[in-house]
């Protein structure tokens, strides 16, 4: 079992990103997961976001707002992240089936309170979009690194997040 997840993060600043935006329905007939790879988030429309850009290609973590993965229940949504080496999504909340599909694929769907999500977005802004996030399962810790200072906040966890500490570091 993988014990550490993470890497460069991409920030999608919108709630209710649905499965049609994660992987458009026209690709659901593909017979391999690998065939989904170039279509990750291709229908997502966010200012400054390029689904074919280098930022998404480098990303190993997605940070977003509430109700991520809503819409149609399709296992292709986590698959497209899996084949793009994105194994961690951090959000305020998830559509129930999407979250379960993430776990079924051995991926992390971490729920954090809105205030913690906002702290990650604030770090991303301060670090000019260059944030790395690591999740250490054994230590039950999430570490976010940007430019500048370090901040460690202990947590009691939330019902769907077993992490007991969230670390914000600016290099």
Foldseek 3Di string as FASTA:
>chain_A
DDFKFWWWEDEDEDEDAELCQQFNPVCPPDPDLLVRQLRGSVNPDDVPDDSNDPSQLRGQEYQYEYAPHDDDQDLSSLSNSVSSNNQYYEYQYYDPNNCVSSVVVVGYYAHDHPVVSVVLVVQCVVQVNGKIWMQGRVQLEIEIEGADAKDKDAAPADPRRNRGIYIYYYD
